[in-house]
Amino acid sequence: MKRIFSVLTITIASFSLLLLATSCIISNTKPEDCETLTTKVVKITEGPSFDIVFHNEEGERYYINRGIEQGLNLDSLNTEVLNKTVTLHLANIIGGSVTSSHISQLAINDKIIFTEFD
């Protein structure tokens, strides 16, 4: 009986971890699945895995996943975005209850600089 309980406990724990991990995957975001944030970008850096990281005045960081691989250029972004107020669409995760630092869309005024939206 103890063995069955132990196997059942491990199975439930594994399923829970798998469910949590898959709820953190960001794909096919839509504007309604995002939080919108307006902030001033004071620094732009290259992050791990070819990410582009935008730093605001409060020291918070937001990133475009594999932005370098997607054809974005740090020099162009520095010219276009640095020291300007931008609007970010940040993807929600875990069933929409948590806002990530993943940028799904970046815009200045009405000009879209980057978007993952179809």
N, C-alpha and C. Protein backbone atom coordinates (compact mmCIF):
# COMPACT_ATOMS: atom_id res chain seq x y z
N MET A 1 0.82 -1.20 0.00
CA MET A 1 0.00 0.00 0.00
C MET A 1 0.87 1.26 0.00
N LYS A 2 1.96 1.24 0.78
CA LYS A 2 2.85 2.40 0.82
C LYS A 2 3.47 2.66 -0.56
N ARG A 3 3.79 1.58 -1.25
CA ARG A 3 4.40 1.72 -2.58
C ARG A 3 3.41 2.36 -3.56
N ILE A 4 2.17 1.97 -3.54
CA ILE A 4 1.15 2.55 -4.41
C ILE A 4 0.98 4.03 -4.10
N PHE A 5 0.95 4.38 -2.81
CA PHE A 5 0.82 5.78 -2.40
C PHE A 5 2.02 6.58 -2.88
N SER A 6 3.22 6.02 -2.76
CA SER A 6 4.44 6.70 -3.18
C SER A 6 4.44 6.93 -4.69
N VAL A 7 4.05 5.92 -5.46
CA VAL A 7 4.00 6.05 -6.92
C VAL A 7 2.95 7.08 -7.32
N LEU A 8 1.81 7.05 -6.65
CA LEU A 8 0.75 8.01 -6.93
C LEU A 8 1.21 9.43 -6.62
N THR A 9 1.89 9.61 -5.52
CA THR A 9 2.41 10.93 -5.13
C THR A 9 3.41 11.44 -6.16
N ILE A 10 4.32 10.59 -6.60
CA ILE A 10 5.31 10.98 -7.59
C ILE A 10 4.62 11.33 -8.91
N THR A 11 3.63 10.56 -9.30
CA THR A 11 2.90 10.81 -10.55
C THR A 11 2.18 12.15 -10.50
N ILE A 12 1.51 12.42 -9.40
CA ILE A 12 0.80 13.70 -9.25
C ILE A 12 1.78 14.87 -9.24
N ALA A 13 2.89 14.72 -8.52
CA ALA A 13 3.90 15.79 -8.47
C ALA A 13 4.49 16.04 -9.86
N SER A 14 4.78 14.98 -10.59
CA SER A 14 5.34 15.12 -11.95
C SER A 14 4.35 15.81 -12.88
N PHE A 15 3.10 15.41 -12.81
CA PHE A 15 2.07 16.03 -13.64
C PHE A 15 1.92 17.52 -13.30
N SER A 16 1.97 17.84 -12.02
CA SER A 16 1.85 19.24 -11.59
C SER A 16 3.01 20.08 -12.11
N LEU A 17 4.22 19.54 -12.03
CA LEU A 17 5.39 20.26 -12.54
C LEU A 17 5.31 20.45 -14.05
N LEU A 18 4.86 19.43 -14.75
CA LEU A 18 4.70 19.54 -16.20
C LEU A 18 3.67 20.59 -16.55
N LEU A 19 2.57 20.61 -15.85
CA LEU A 19 1.52 21.60 -16.09
C LEU A 19 2.04 23.01 -15.82
N LEU A 20 2.77 23.19 -14.72
CA LEU A 20 3.33 24.50 -14.40
C LEU A 20 4.34 24.93 -15.46
N ALA A 21 5.20 24.02 -15.89
CA ALA A 21 6.22 24.36 -16.89
C ALA A 21 5.58 24.76 -18.22
N THR A 22 4.55 24.03 -18.65
CA THR A 22 3.92 24.37 -19.93
C THR A 22 3.12 25.65 -19.84
N SER A 23 2.66 26.02 -18.66
CA SER A 23 1.91 27.27 -18.53
C SER A 23 2.83 28.49 -18.59
N CYS A 24 4.14 28.27 -18.49
CA CYS A 24 5.11 29.36 -18.56
C CYS A 24 5.66 29.56 -19.97
N ILE A 25 5.29 28.70 -20.89
CA ILE A 25 5.75 28.83 -22.28
C ILE A 25 4.96 29.95 -22.95
N ILE A 26 5.69 30.85 -23.59
CA ILE A 26 5.06 31.98 -24.24
C ILE A 26 5.07 31.73 -25.74
N SER A 27 3.89 31.61 -26.33
CA SER A 27 3.80 31.43 -27.77
C SER A 27 2.45 31.94 -28.26
N ASN A 28 2.46 32.45 -29.48
CA ASN A 28 1.23 32.94 -30.11
C ASN A 28 0.46 33.92 -29.24
N THR A 29 1.16 34.89 -28.69
CA THR A 29 0.47 35.86 -27.84
C THR A 29 -0.44 36.75 -28.67
N LYS A 30 -1.44 37.25 -28.01
CA LYS A 30 -2.39 38.19 -28.61
C LYS A 30 -2.45 39.42 -27.71
N PRO A 31 -2.83 40.57 -28.23
CA PRO A 31 -2.87 41.78 -27.40
C PRO A 31 -3.70 41.60 -26.13
N GLU A 32 -4.78 40.85 -26.22
CA GLU A 32 -5.63 40.66 -25.03
C GLU A 32 -4.99 39.74 -23.99
N ASP A 33 -3.88 39.06 -24.35
CA ASP A 33 -3.18 38.19 -23.41
C ASP A 33 -1.98 38.90 -22.79
N CYS A 34 -1.92 40.22 -22.93
CA CYS A 34 -0.76 40.98 -22.47
C CYS A 34 -1.17 42.13 -21.54
N GLU A 35 -0.22 42.54 -20.73
CA GLU A 35 -0.33 43.77 -19.96
C GLU A 35 0.41 44.84 -20.74
N THR A 36 -0.12 46.05 -20.74
CA THR A 36 0.52 47.15 -21.44
C THR A 36 1.24 48.03 -20.43
N LEU A 37 2.47 48.39 -20.75
CA LEU A 37 3.30 49.21 -19.87
C LEU A 37 3.93 50.32 -20.70
N THR A 38 3.86 51.54 -20.20
CA THR A 38 4.55 52.67 -20.82
C THR A 38 5.73 53.01 -19.92
N THR A 39 6.93 53.06 -20.50
CA THR A 39 8.13 53.29 -19.71
C THR A 39 9.20 53.94 -20.58
N LYS A 40 10.18 54.56 -19.94
CA LYS A 40 11.30 55.17 -20.66
C LYS A 40 12.47 54.20 -20.67
N VAL A 41 13.02 53.95 -21.86
CA VAL A 41 14.16 53.05 -22.02
C VAL A 41 15.44 53.86 -21.84
N VAL A 42 16.29 53.46 -20.89
CA VAL A 42 17.53 54.18 -20.63
C VAL A 42 18.78 53.39 -21.02
N LYS A 43 18.59 52.10 -21.34
CA LYS A 43 19.73 51.27 -21.72
C LYS A 43 19.21 50.08 -22.51
N ILE A 44 19.98 49.67 -23.53
CA ILE A 44 19.64 48.49 -24.33
C ILE A 44 20.89 47.63 -24.41
N THR A 45 20.74 46.34 -24.07
CA THR A 45 21.88 45.43 -24.09
C THR A 45 21.51 44.12 -24.77
N GLU A 46 22.54 43.36 -25.14
CA GLU A 46 22.31 42.01 -25.63
C GLU A 46 22.33 41.08 -24.44
N GLY A 47 21.32 40.25 -24.34
CA GLY A 47 21.23 39.29 -23.25
C GLY A 47 21.65 37.91 -23.71
N PRO A 48 21.42 36.93 -22.85
CA PRO A 48 21.76 35.55 -23.24
C PRO A 48 20.85 35.06 -24.37
N SER A 49 21.32 34.11 -25.12
CA SER A 49 20.55 33.48 -26.20
C SER A 49 20.05 34.48 -27.23
N PHE A 50 20.87 35.49 -27.52
CA PHE A 50 20.54 36.48 -28.55
C PHE A 50 19.34 37.35 -28.21
N ASP A 51 18.98 37.42 -26.92
CA ASP A 51 17.89 38.30 -26.49
C ASP A 51 18.35 39.75 -26.56
N ILE A 52 17.36 40.65 -26.68
CA ILE A 52 17.63 42.08 -26.55
C ILE A 52 16.93 42.54 -25.29
N VAL A 53 17.69 43.18 -24.40
CA VAL A 53 17.17 43.57 -23.09
C VAL A 53 17.06 45.10 -23.03
N PHE A 54 15.87 45.56 -22.64
CA PHE A 54 15.59 46.98 -22.48
C PHE A 54 15.50 47.29 -20.99
N HIS A 55 16.26 48.30 -20.54
CA HIS A 55 16.30 48.68 -19.14
C HIS A 55 15.56 50.02 -18.98
N ASN A 56 14.74 50.13 -17.95
CA ASN A 56 14.05 51.40 -17.73
C ASN A 56 14.68 52.16 -16.56
N GLU A 57 14.13 53.32 -16.25
CA GLU A 57 14.69 54.19 -15.21
C GLU A 57 14.64 53.56 -13.82
N GLU A 58 13.69 52.66 -13.60
CA GLU A 58 13.54 52.02 -12.29
C GLU A 58 14.44 50.80 -12.14
N GLY A 59 15.22 50.49 -13.16
CA GLY A 59 16.11 49.34 -13.11
C GLY A 59 15.45 48.03 -13.53
N GLU A 60 14.21 48.10 -13.98
CA GLU A 60 13.53 46.89 -14.44
C GLU A 60 14.02 46.56 -15.85
N ARG A 61 13.95 45.27 -16.18
CA ARG A 61 14.42 44.80 -17.49
C ARG A 61 13.30 44.05 -18.18
N TYR A 62 13.21 44.27 -19.49
CA TYR A 62 12.24 43.60 -20.34
C TYR A 62 12.99 43.14 -21.57
N TYR A 63 12.61 41.99 -22.14
CA TYR A 63 13.41 41.44 -23.22
C TYR A 63 12.57 40.99 -24.42
N ILE A 64 13.22 41.06 -25.59
CA ILE A 64 12.69 40.45 -26.81
C ILE A 64 13.45 39.15 -26.98
N ASN A 65 12.72 38.05 -26.90
CA ASN A 65 13.32 36.73 -26.98
C ASN A 65 13.98 36.52 -28.35
N ARG A 66 15.28 36.22 -28.32
CA ARG A 66 16.05 35.96 -29.53
C ARG A 66 15.91 37.08 -30.56
N GLY A 67 15.89 38.31 -30.05
CA GLY A 67 15.72 39.49 -30.92
C GLY A 67 16.79 39.63 -31.97
N ILE A 68 18.03 39.30 -31.64
CA ILE A 68 19.13 39.38 -32.61
C ILE A 68 18.87 38.39 -33.75
N GLU A 69 18.44 37.17 -33.40
CA GLU A 69 18.15 36.16 -34.42
C GLU A 69 16.96 36.56 -35.29
N GLN A 70 16.08 37.39 -34.75
CA GLN A 70 14.90 37.83 -35.51
C GLN A 70 15.20 39.03 -36.41
N GLY A 71 16.47 39.45 -36.44
CA GLY A 71 16.86 40.51 -37.36
C GLY A 71 16.92 41.90 -36.75
N LEU A 72 16.69 42.01 -35.44
CA LEU A 72 16.80 43.32 -34.81
C LEU A 72 18.27 43.66 -34.59
N ASN A 73 18.58 44.93 -34.59
CA ASN A 73 19.96 45.39 -34.52
C ASN A 73 20.10 46.36 -33.34
N LEU A 74 21.09 46.12 -32.49
CA LEU A 74 21.28 46.97 -31.31
C LEU A 74 21.55 48.42 -31.68
N ASP A 75 22.36 48.66 -32.71
CA ASP A 75 22.66 50.04 -33.10
C ASP A 75 21.40 50.77 -33.55
N SER A 76 20.59 50.12 -34.37
CA SER A 76 19.34 50.73 -34.85
C SER A 76 18.38 50.98 -33.68
N LEU A 77 18.28 50.00 -32.77
CA LEU A 77 17.39 50.18 -31.62
C LEU A 77 17.87 51.30 -30.71
N ASN A 78 19.18 51.42 -30.53
CA ASN A 78 19.71 52.52 -29.71
C ASN A 78 19.34 53.86 -30.32
N THR A 79 19.42 53.98 -31.64
CA THR A 79 19.06 55.22 -32.32
C THR A 79 17.56 55.51 -32.20
N GLU A 80 16.75 54.47 -32.36
CA GLU A 80 15.31 54.64 -32.44
C GLU A 80 14.59 54.67 -31.09
N VAL A 81 15.14 53.96 -30.09
CA VAL A 81 14.40 53.73 -28.85
C VAL A 81 15.05 54.35 -27.61
N LEU A 82 16.36 54.41 -27.58
CA LEU A 82 17.07 54.85 -26.37
C LEU A 82 16.63 56.23 -25.91
N ASN A 83 16.37 56.36 -24.61
CA ASN A 83 15.93 57.60 -23.95
C ASN A 83 14.57 58.09 -24.43
N LYS A 84 13.77 57.18 -24.94
CA LYS A 84 12.42 57.51 -25.38
C LYS A 84 11.41 56.71 -24.57
N THR A 85 10.20 57.24 -24.50
CA THR A 85 9.11 56.54 -23.83
C THR A 85 8.47 55.58 -24.83
N VAL A 86 8.37 54.31 -24.43
CA VAL A 86 7.84 53.27 -25.30
C VAL A 86 6.61 52.63 -24.65
N THR A 87 5.83 51.96 -25.47
CA THR A 87 4.72 51.16 -24.98
C THR A 87 5.07 49.70 -25.22
N LEU A 88 5.07 48.92 -24.14
CA LEU A 88 5.38 47.50 -24.22
C LEU A 88 4.13 46.69 -23.97
N HIS A 89 3.94 45.65 -24.75
CA HIS A 89 2.93 44.63 -24.46
C HIS A 89 3.71 43.46 -23.87
N LEU A 90 3.48 43.16 -22.61
CA LEU A 90 4.19 42.10 -21.90
C LEU A 90 3.29 40.89 -21.75
N ALA A 91 3.79 39.74 -22.18
CA ALA A 91 3.00 38.52 -22.17
C ALA A 91 2.66 38.07 -20.75
N ASN A 92 1.42 37.65 -20.58
CA ASN A 92 0.99 37.04 -19.32
C ASN A 92 1.27 35.54 -19.37
N ILE A 93 1.61 34.99 -18.21
CA ILE A 93 1.85 33.54 -18.10
C ILE A 93 1.06 32.97 -16.94
N ILE A 94 1.12 31.68 -16.79
CA ILE A 94 0.42 30.94 -15.73
C ILE A 94 -1.06 31.32 -15.72
N GLY A 95 -1.68 31.07 -16.84
CA GLY A 95 -3.12 31.32 -16.95
C GLY A 95 -3.50 32.79 -16.93
N GLY A 96 -2.55 33.66 -17.21
CA GLY A 96 -2.84 35.09 -17.26
C GLY A 96 -2.72 35.81 -15.93
N SER A 97 -2.32 35.09 -14.89
CA SER A 97 -2.27 35.70 -13.56
C SER A 97 -0.94 36.37 -13.26
N VAL A 98 0.07 36.12 -14.08
CA VAL A 98 1.40 36.68 -13.84
C VAL A 98 1.89 37.34 -15.13
N THR A 99 2.40 38.56 -15.02
CA THR A 99 2.95 39.26 -16.18
C THR A 99 4.44 38.98 -16.25
N SER A 100 4.90 38.57 -17.42
CA SER A 100 6.32 38.27 -17.61
C SER A 100 7.07 39.53 -18.01
N SER A 101 8.37 39.38 -18.25
CA SER A 101 9.20 40.46 -18.78
C SER A 101 9.40 40.31 -20.27
N HIS A 102 8.69 39.37 -20.86
CA HIS A 102 8.79 39.05 -22.29
C HIS A 102 8.00 40.09 -23.09
N ILE A 103 8.68 40.78 -24.00
CA ILE A 103 8.03 41.79 -24.84
C ILE A 103 7.40 41.12 -26.04
N SER A 104 6.08 41.25 -26.15
CA SER A 104 5.36 40.75 -27.33
C SER A 104 5.22 41.84 -28.38
N GLN A 105 5.22 43.10 -27.93
CA GLN A 105 5.18 44.21 -28.88
C GLN A 105 5.84 45.43 -28.24
N LEU A 106 6.58 46.16 -29.06
CA LEU A 106 7.25 47.39 -28.64
C LEU A 106 6.87 48.47 -29.63
N ALA A 107 6.40 49.60 -29.11
CA ALA A 107 5.98 50.70 -29.99
C ALA A 107 6.38 52.04 -29.37
N ILE A 108 6.59 53.01 -30.24
CA ILE A 108 6.77 54.40 -29.84
C ILE A 108 5.64 55.16 -30.50
N ASN A 109 4.80 55.78 -29.67
CA ASN A 109 3.58 56.41 -30.16
C ASN A 109 2.78 55.38 -30.95
N ASP A 110 2.51 55.65 -32.22
CA ASP A 110 1.75 54.70 -33.04
C ASP A 110 2.65 53.85 -33.93
N LYS A 111 3.96 54.02 -33.81
CA LYS A 111 4.90 53.28 -34.66
C LYS A 111 5.33 51.99 -33.97
N ILE A 112 5.02 50.86 -34.58
CA ILE A 112 5.41 49.57 -34.02
C ILE A 112 6.84 49.26 -34.45
N ILE A 113 7.70 49.06 -33.46
CA ILE A 113 9.11 48.75 -33.70
C ILE A 113 9.29 47.24 -33.82
N PHE A 114 8.56 46.49 -32.99
CA PHE A 114 8.63 45.03 -32.98
C PHE A 114 7.29 44.48 -32.55
N THR A 115 6.87 43.38 -33.16
CA THR A 115 5.64 42.71 -32.73
C THR A 115 5.71 41.23 -33.00
N GLU A 116 5.09 40.46 -32.14
CA GLU A 116 4.89 39.03 -32.35
C GLU A 116 3.44 38.75 -32.75
N PHE A 117 2.61 39.77 -32.74
CA PHE A 117 1.21 39.58 -33.06
C PHE A 117 1.02 39.33 -34.55
N ASP A 118 0.11 38.45 -34.88
CA ASP A 118 -0.18 38.15 -36.29
C ASP A 118 -1.02 39.23 -36.91
